[in-house]
Protein backbone atom coordinates (compact mmCIF):
# COMPACT_ATOMS: atom_id res chain seq x y z
CA MET A 1 -46.72 33.96 -40.45
CA ILE A 2 -44.13 31.22 -41.01
CA TYR A 3 -40.72 32.16 -42.38
CA THR A 4 -37.70 30.11 -43.36
CA VAL A 5 -34.21 31.62 -43.43
CA THR A 6 -31.53 30.13 -45.69
CA PHE A 7 -28.21 31.96 -45.78
CA ASN A 8 -26.70 29.63 -48.37
CA PRO A 9 -29.40 28.53 -50.84
CA ALA A 10 -28.49 26.58 -53.94
CA LEU A 11 -29.64 25.29 -57.26
CA ASP A 12 -29.53 21.51 -56.95
CA ARG A 13 -28.67 19.88 -60.27
CA THR A 14 -29.31 16.12 -60.34
CA LEU A 15 -27.53 14.14 -63.04
CA SER A 16 -28.57 10.52 -63.60
CA VAL A 17 -26.29 8.03 -65.31
CA GLU A 18 -26.83 4.32 -65.98
CA LYS A 19 -23.58 3.43 -64.24
CA ILE A 20 -20.59 5.52 -63.17
CA LEU A 21 -17.52 4.40 -65.12
CA PRO A 22 -14.27 5.89 -63.77
CA ASP A 23 -11.87 7.35 -66.34
CA GLN A 24 -14.52 7.07 -69.06
CA SER A 25 -17.08 9.38 -70.61
CA ASN A 26 -20.35 8.96 -68.69
CA ARG A 27 -23.55 9.73 -70.58
CA VAL A 28 -26.13 11.67 -68.59
CA VAL A 29 -29.58 10.20 -69.20
CA GLN A 30 -31.46 12.76 -67.11
CA ASP A 31 -30.63 16.29 -65.97
CA LYS A 32 -33.02 17.97 -63.50
CA ARG A 33 -32.79 21.16 -61.46
CA TYR A 34 -34.48 21.89 -58.15
CA PRO A 35 -34.47 24.78 -55.68
CA GLY A 36 -32.11 23.84 -52.85
CA GLY A 37 -30.91 24.83 -49.40
CA LYS A 38 -32.31 23.47 -46.13
CA GLY A 39 -34.70 26.31 -45.32
CA ILE A 40 -35.80 26.47 -48.96
CA ASP A 41 -36.67 22.76 -48.74
CA VAL A 42 -38.71 23.34 -45.58
CA SER A 43 -40.77 25.99 -47.39
CA ARG A 44 -41.25 23.67 -50.36
CA VAL A 45 -42.55 20.86 -48.16
CA LEU A 46 -44.82 23.19 -46.18
CA THR A 47 -46.29 24.34 -49.50
CA THR A 48 -46.82 20.70 -50.50
CA LEU A 49 -48.59 20.04 -47.19
CA GLY A 50 -50.86 23.04 -47.71
CA THR A 51 -49.30 25.65 -45.41
CA ALA A 52 -48.02 29.00 -46.65
CA SER A 53 -44.59 30.26 -45.66
CA ARG A 54 -42.13 32.84 -46.93
CA ALA A 55 -38.59 31.84 -47.84
CA ILE A 56 -35.90 34.38 -46.91
CA GLY A 57 -32.39 34.07 -48.34
CA PHE A 58 -29.59 35.42 -50.50
CA PHE A 59 -29.62 35.12 -54.28
CA GLY A 60 -27.33 36.34 -57.02
CA GLY A 61 -26.59 36.07 -60.72
CA PHE A 62 -28.43 34.00 -63.33
CA THR A 63 -28.43 30.99 -61.00
CA GLY A 64 -30.19 33.05 -58.36
CA GLU A 65 -32.79 34.16 -60.88
CA GLU A 66 -33.40 30.54 -61.88
CA LEU A 67 -33.72 29.54 -58.21
CA GLU A 68 -36.33 32.24 -57.60
CA GLY A 69 -38.22 31.28 -60.74
CA LEU A 70 -38.35 27.63 -59.72
CA LEU A 71 -39.68 28.59 -56.31
CA LEU A 72 -42.38 30.79 -57.80
CA ASN A 73 -43.43 27.97 -60.12
CA GLU A 74 -43.81 25.69 -57.09
CA GLY A 75 -46.01 28.28 -55.38
CA VAL A 76 -43.42 29.17 -52.74
CA ASP A 77 -43.50 32.80 -51.62
CA CYS A 78 -39.98 34.23 -51.31
CA ASP A 79 -38.29 37.48 -50.29
CA LEU A 80 -34.64 37.32 -51.29
CA VAL A 81 -31.70 39.66 -50.76
CA LYS A 82 -29.75 40.23 -53.96
CA ILE A 83 -25.98 39.77 -53.70
CA SER A 84 -23.11 40.54 -56.05
CA GLY A 85 -21.93 36.90 -56.14
CA GLU A 86 -23.49 33.96 -57.98
CA THR A 87 -25.81 31.57 -56.14
CA ARG A 88 -24.08 28.21 -55.83
CA THR A 89 -24.98 25.12 -57.84
CA ASN A 90 -24.74 21.76 -56.09
CA VAL A 91 -24.43 18.64 -58.21
CA ILE A 92 -25.94 15.29 -57.25
CA VAL A 93 -24.87 12.32 -59.37
CA ASN A 94 -27.38 9.48 -59.35
CA ASP A 95 -25.98 6.05 -60.31
CA LEU A 96 -29.08 4.22 -61.56
CA GLU A 97 -27.50 0.75 -61.46
CA SER A 98 -26.36 0.90 -57.85
CA GLY A 99 -29.08 3.23 -56.65
CA LYS A 100 -26.47 5.38 -54.92
CA GLN A 101 -26.32 9.17 -55.00
CA THR A 102 -23.17 11.24 -54.66
CA PRO A 103 -23.67 14.93 -53.79
CA PHE A 104 -21.05 17.59 -54.52
CA ASN A 105 -21.83 20.65 -52.41
CA VAL A 106 -20.20 24.01 -53.21
CA ARG A 107 -19.26 26.43 -50.39
CA GLY A 108 -21.25 29.30 -51.85
CA PRO A 109 -20.57 32.92 -52.81
CA GLU A 110 -18.77 35.41 -50.57
CA ILE A 111 -21.25 37.59 -48.69
CA ARG A 112 -20.19 41.19 -48.25
CA PRO A 113 -20.84 42.98 -44.93
CA TYR A 114 -23.41 45.38 -46.39
CA GLU A 115 -25.28 42.42 -47.95
CA LEU A 116 -25.32 40.66 -44.60
CA MET A 117 -26.73 43.74 -42.90
CA GLN A 118 -29.48 43.97 -45.54
CA MET A 119 -30.47 40.46 -44.51
CA VAL A 120 -30.32 41.30 -40.80
CA HIS A 121 -32.55 44.36 -41.30
CA LYS A 122 -35.01 42.27 -43.33
CA ILE A 123 -35.25 39.64 -40.58
CA GLU A 124 -35.50 42.34 -37.92
CA HIS A 125 -38.60 43.77 -39.59
CA LEU A 126 -40.41 40.60 -40.66
CA PRO A 127 -44.18 41.18 -40.43
CA LEU A 128 -45.84 39.11 -37.69
CA PRO A 129 -43.27 36.32 -37.28
CA GLU A 130 -44.98 33.38 -35.55
CA TRP A 131 -42.58 30.58 -36.52
CA VAL A 132 -39.14 31.00 -38.07
CA VAL A 133 -37.02 28.10 -39.32
CA ILE A 134 -33.30 28.91 -39.58
CA SER A 135 -31.31 26.19 -41.26
CA GLY A 136 -28.36 25.19 -43.39
CA SER A 137 -24.72 26.10 -43.80
CA LEU A 138 -23.25 29.58 -43.84
CA PRO A 139 -21.57 31.02 -46.94
CA PRO A 140 -18.06 32.52 -46.84
CA GLY A 141 -18.00 35.92 -45.14
CA VAL A 142 -20.68 35.12 -42.55
CA HIS A 143 -19.65 34.31 -38.94
CA PRO A 144 -21.66 31.64 -37.05
CA HIS A 145 -22.54 34.29 -34.44
CA ILE A 146 -25.21 35.47 -36.90
CA TYR A 147 -27.41 32.55 -35.82
CA ARG A 148 -27.39 33.60 -32.17
CA LYS A 149 -28.03 37.24 -33.10
CA ILE A 150 -31.08 36.61 -35.26
CA ILE A 151 -32.50 34.00 -32.87
CA GLU A 152 -32.36 36.50 -30.00
CA MET A 153 -33.81 39.18 -32.29
CA LEU A 154 -36.73 36.98 -33.31
CA LYS A 155 -37.48 35.69 -29.81
CA SER A 156 -37.60 39.26 -28.52
CA ARG A 157 -40.48 39.75 -30.96
CA GLY A 158 -42.32 36.69 -29.69
CA ALA A 159 -41.45 34.31 -32.52
CA ALA A 160 -40.80 30.61 -31.96
CA VAL A 161 -37.58 29.49 -33.63
CA ILE A 162 -36.42 26.16 -35.08
CA LEU A 163 -32.66 25.83 -35.71
CA ASP A 164 -31.27 23.13 -37.98
CA THR A 165 -27.57 23.47 -38.69
CA ASP A 166 -24.22 21.94 -37.77
CA GLY A 167 -20.80 22.69 -36.27
CA ASP A 168 -20.09 26.14 -34.88
CA GLY A 169 -23.42 27.42 -36.21
CA LEU A 170 -25.25 25.00 -33.94
CA LYS A 171 -22.92 25.47 -30.96
CA ILE A 172 -23.21 29.26 -31.06
CA GLY A 173 -26.83 29.28 -32.23
CA ILE A 174 -28.16 27.38 -29.21
CA GLU A 175 -26.80 30.15 -26.98
CA GLY A 176 -29.74 32.17 -28.32
CA GLN A 177 -32.02 29.37 -27.03
CA PRO A 178 -34.07 28.40 -30.07
CA ASP A 179 -37.25 26.55 -29.19
CA ILE A 180 -36.47 23.47 -31.27
CA ILE A 181 -33.31 22.00 -32.80
CA LYS A 182 -33.03 18.99 -35.12
CA PRO A 183 -29.54 17.48 -35.29
CA ASN A 184 -28.76 14.03 -36.63
CA ILE A 185 -26.54 11.71 -34.55
CA HIS A 186 -23.32 13.04 -36.09
CA GLU A 187 -24.33 16.68 -35.58
CA LEU A 188 -25.38 15.94 -32.00
CA SER A 189 -22.03 14.21 -31.40
CA ARG A 190 -20.17 17.29 -32.59
CA LEU A 191 -22.38 19.52 -30.47
CA VAL A 192 -21.71 17.67 -27.21
CA GLY A 193 -18.08 16.91 -28.10
CA ARG A 194 -18.17 13.12 -27.84
CA ASP A 195 -18.85 10.17 -30.12
CA LEU A 196 -22.32 8.83 -29.42
CA LYS A 197 -22.82 5.09 -29.62
CA GLY A 198 -26.11 3.43 -28.84
CA ARG A 199 -29.51 4.80 -27.96
CA GLU A 200 -28.73 5.53 -24.29
CA GLU A 201 -25.79 7.79 -25.17
CA VAL A 202 -27.91 9.63 -27.75
CA LEU A 203 -30.70 10.02 -25.18
CA GLN A 204 -28.35 11.43 -22.56
CA ALA A 205 -26.80 13.87 -25.03
CA ALA A 206 -30.25 15.09 -26.10
CA ARG A 207 -31.23 15.52 -22.44
CA ASP A 208 -28.06 17.50 -21.78
CA VAL A 209 -28.89 19.89 -24.63
CA HIS A 210 -32.52 20.16 -23.53
CA GLU A 211 -31.40 21.18 -20.04
CA LYS A 212 -29.49 24.11 -21.55
CA GLY A 213 -32.83 25.74 -22.36
CA ILE A 214 -33.85 24.10 -25.63
CA ARG A 215 -37.53 23.29 -25.34
CA CYS A 216 -37.54 20.36 -27.76
CA VAL A 217 -34.64 18.35 -29.20
CA LEU A 218 -35.38 16.23 -32.27
CA VAL A 219 -32.65 13.76 -33.24
CA SER A 220 -32.70 12.15 -36.69
CA LEU A 221 -31.77 8.48 -36.48
CA GLY A 222 -31.86 7.59 -40.17
CA ALA A 223 -33.85 4.44 -40.89
CA GLU A 224 -34.69 4.11 -37.15
CA GLY A 225 -36.75 7.29 -37.28
CA MET A 226 -36.57 10.24 -34.92
CA LEU A 227 -36.14 10.73 -31.20
CA MET A 228 -37.86 13.61 -29.37
CA VAL A 229 -36.69 14.87 -25.98
CA GLY A 230 -38.56 17.67 -24.24
CA ALA A 231 -40.10 18.63 -20.91
CA ASN A 232 -41.43 15.33 -19.53
CA GLU A 233 -41.34 13.97 -23.10
CA LEU A 234 -39.31 11.13 -24.52
CA VAL A 235 -40.67 9.55 -27.69
CA LEU A 236 -39.14 7.49 -30.48
CA ALA A 237 -41.01 7.53 -33.79
CA SER A 238 -40.13 4.70 -36.18
CA PRO A 239 -41.21 4.49 -39.83
CA PRO A 240 -42.32 1.38 -41.72
CA GLU A 241 -39.92 -0.24 -44.14
CA VAL A 242 -39.98 1.47 -47.53
CA GLU A 243 -37.87 1.35 -50.66
CA VAL A 244 -35.35 4.15 -50.15
CA VAL A 245 -34.53 5.92 -53.40
CA ASN A 246 -32.86 9.00 -51.96
CA THR A 247 -32.03 10.49 -48.56
CA ILE A 248 -31.30 14.09 -49.61
CA GLY A 249 -33.80 16.50 -48.05
CA ALA A 250 -35.33 13.94 -45.67
CA GLY A 251 -34.29 15.91 -42.58
CA ASP A 252 -35.68 19.15 -43.98
CA SER A 253 -38.93 17.39 -44.79
CA ALA A 254 -39.09 16.13 -41.21
CA VAL A 255 -38.69 19.69 -39.88
CA ALA A 256 -41.52 20.82 -42.14
CA GLY A 257 -43.70 17.91 -41.04
CA PHE A 258 -43.15 18.65 -37.35
CA LEU A 259 -43.95 22.32 -37.86
CA GLN A 260 -47.01 21.44 -39.93
CA GLY A 261 -48.27 19.34 -37.05
CA LEU A 262 -47.82 22.18 -34.56
CA VAL A 263 -49.54 24.66 -36.88
CA ASP A 264 -52.45 22.22 -37.24
CA GLY A 265 -52.82 22.17 -33.45
CA ARG A 266 -51.34 18.71 -32.89
CA ASN A 267 -49.32 17.97 -29.77
CA HIS A 268 -45.59 17.21 -29.94
CA ARG A 269 -46.16 13.46 -30.08
CA GLU A 270 -48.54 13.67 -33.03
CA SER A 271 -46.32 16.22 -34.76
CA LEU A 272 -43.37 13.84 -34.40
CA ALA A 273 -45.31 11.17 -36.28
CA LEU A 274 -46.01 13.64 -39.08
CA ALA A 275 -42.33 14.63 -39.13
CA VAL A 276 -41.18 11.04 -39.63
CA ALA A 277 -43.88 10.44 -42.23
CA ALA A 278 -42.71 13.47 -44.23
CA GLY A 279 -39.05 12.50 -43.97
CA THR A 280 -39.78 8.92 -44.99
CA ALA A 281 -41.96 10.02 -47.90
CA THR A 282 -39.04 12.06 -49.23
CA THR A 283 -36.74 9.02 -49.21
CA MET A 284 -39.15 7.39 -51.65
CA ARG A 285 -38.63 10.12 -54.25
CA PRO A 286 -35.68 10.57 -56.65
CA GLY A 287 -33.35 13.56 -56.76
CA THR A 288 -34.33 16.42 -54.50
CA ALA A 289 -38.00 16.31 -55.44
CA LEU A 290 -39.05 15.99 -51.77
CA CYS A 291 -42.25 14.37 -50.53
CA ARG A 292 -45.76 14.20 -51.92
CA ARG A 293 -48.71 15.06 -49.70
CA GLU A 294 -50.55 11.82 -50.44
CA ASP A 295 -47.52 9.74 -49.40
CA VAL A 296 -47.18 11.67 -46.13
CA LEU A 297 -50.84 11.21 -45.22
CA LYS A 298 -50.64 7.50 -45.97
CA LEU A 299 -47.44 6.95 -43.99
CA VAL A 300 -48.42 8.90 -40.87
CA ALA A 301 -50.81 6.13 -39.85
CA GLU A 302 -47.95 3.61 -40.13
CA ILE A 303 -45.54 5.40 -37.79
CA THR A 304 -44.82 3.53 -34.54
CA LEU A 305 -44.52 5.72 -31.44
CA ARG A 306 -42.79 4.45 -28.31
CA ASP A 307 -42.62 6.37 -25.05
CA LYS A 308 -39.89 6.23 -22.41
CA ASP A 309 -41.32 3.20 -20.59
CA GLU A 310 -41.49 1.18 -23.80
CA LEU A 311 -37.97 2.27 -24.78
CA ARG A 312 -36.68 1.18 -21.40
CA GLU A 313 -38.27 -2.25 -21.90
CA GLY A 314 -36.78 -2.45 -25.44
């Protein structure tokens, strides 16, 4: 069974305006709501690609009820821990004239210790965990050590773990030795404690992290695609040029695509191509609607894969 764990889910509200006019009343021409949170997005994309998963997370208040209802309507199975606080609402303002999006992300509700332990007990007793994706920020009241604890807990039960987070959560989480991590360049820079400039510095940083016991390091490179560093593996997957409408959720889609490939029995190289196809397909969609299966299947054949010898020549 595949599970995703999101400690700080959200309702993503996307407001579209013709043009943002400072100090004036801006008329909203479209108002849409989507389930949000990195692990939630992974479950949504897996569902789109035809693979079942179960989304684990906190929810509270009327916003939490709406979040759960939206997930159920998308066919996403979920098992949520009810909290006393209100699930956060993130606002994304879409300027139609410029094509730019501005997200406003809320910290999230305070999690009480007994609510946190309800989540820990739920994760501890997950039925038949094969793959578990742990991703996103932590809400107030939750220490980053939680990532290391649940990773060690899950690995002791034989589960493979993907960790996708930032800052102290990533630094402490990798001490539990997740199987796969997926930082972008900025997150990788913060992890290794130095500003990374150029492909060689990114490669070396990914190798350094891999040598700490992380089986596979995936590094998001934006429009350049994704770099994979593993045991005797070094591959850069580059997407074709597409019209980018939105970048929100592209990294989560890539995680889902990579996992989908592994579940389908593909090797890491082939799964990387599917990851970049899924991430690229999401950039072609407005708001936080995420990718469509038909776009992913079309794009995967257009992904360029280059191994270490070709990268050295480039």
